[in-house]
Amino acid sequence: MTLAVGGLIAGAVMAAAPWSRRWLPRVIAGIVTLGIALGTGVLCIDHISR
């Protein structure tokens, strides 16, 4: 649950930051950031649980 919340927060910050005037690149960057955060967290948890 903490992983999902952290990933959502990271993605939301990336999408909300005004680094581009266009909304589509910000949304795509937010989704990519969310995916990277969740993927890295899941791999870390999998590695620790072995």
Protein backbone atom coordinates (compact mmCIF):
# COMPACT_ATOMS: atom_id res chain seq x y z
CA MET A 1 0.00 0.00 0.00
CA THR A 2 2.81 2.40 0.83
CA LEU A 3 4.42 1.64 -2.51
CA ALA A 4 1.26 2.56 -4.40
CA VAL A 5 0.84 5.81 -2.47
CA GLY A 6 4.48 6.76 -3.02
CA GLY A 7 4.23 6.00 -6.71
CA LEU A 8 1.04 8.01 -7.06
CA ILE A 9 2.58 10.98 -5.25
CA ALA A 10 5.71 10.86 -7.41
CA GLY A 11 3.63 10.64 -10.58
CA ALA A 12 1.34 13.45 -9.48
CA VAL A 13 4.26 15.75 -8.67
CA MET A 14 5.81 15.06 -12.07
CA ALA A 15 2.50 15.70 -13.87
CA ALA A 16 1.66 18.84 -11.87
CA ALA A 17 5.06 20.53 -12.12
CA PRO A 18 4.93 23.38 -14.65
CA TRP A 19 7.99 22.31 -16.68
CA SER A 20 5.98 22.29 -19.91
CA ARG A 21 3.06 24.35 -21.13
CA ARG A 22 1.52 21.33 -22.84
CA TRP A 23 -0.37 18.84 -20.70
CA LEU A 24 0.30 15.64 -22.67
CA PRO A 25 4.07 15.41 -21.99
CA ARG A 26 3.44 16.07 -18.30
CA VAL A 27 0.82 13.31 -18.09
CA ILE A 28 3.08 10.87 -19.93
CA ALA A 29 6.00 11.74 -17.64
CA GLY A 30 3.76 11.26 -14.60
CA ILE A 31 2.66 7.83 -15.80
CA VAL A 32 6.26 6.81 -16.56
CA THR A 33 7.36 8.03 -13.13
CA LEU A 34 4.56 6.06 -11.50
CA GLY A 35 5.57 2.93 -13.41
CA ILE A 36 9.23 3.29 -12.51
CA ALA A 37 8.43 3.85 -8.83
CA LEU A 38 6.10 0.87 -8.64
CA GLY A 39 8.35 -1.40 -10.71
CA THR A 40 11.43 -0.60 -8.67
CA GLY A 41 9.53 -1.10 -5.42
CA VAL A 42 8.11 -4.44 -6.49
CA LEU A 43 11.55 -5.67 -7.59
CA CYS A 44 13.06 -4.53 -4.28
CA ILE A 45 10.37 -6.27 -2.24
CA ASP A 46 10.78 -9.43 -4.34
CA HIS A 47 14.54 -9.37 -3.79
CA ILE A 48 14.20 -8.83 -0.03
CA SER A 49 11.61 -11.58 0.40
CA ARG A 50 13.88 -14.25 -1.06
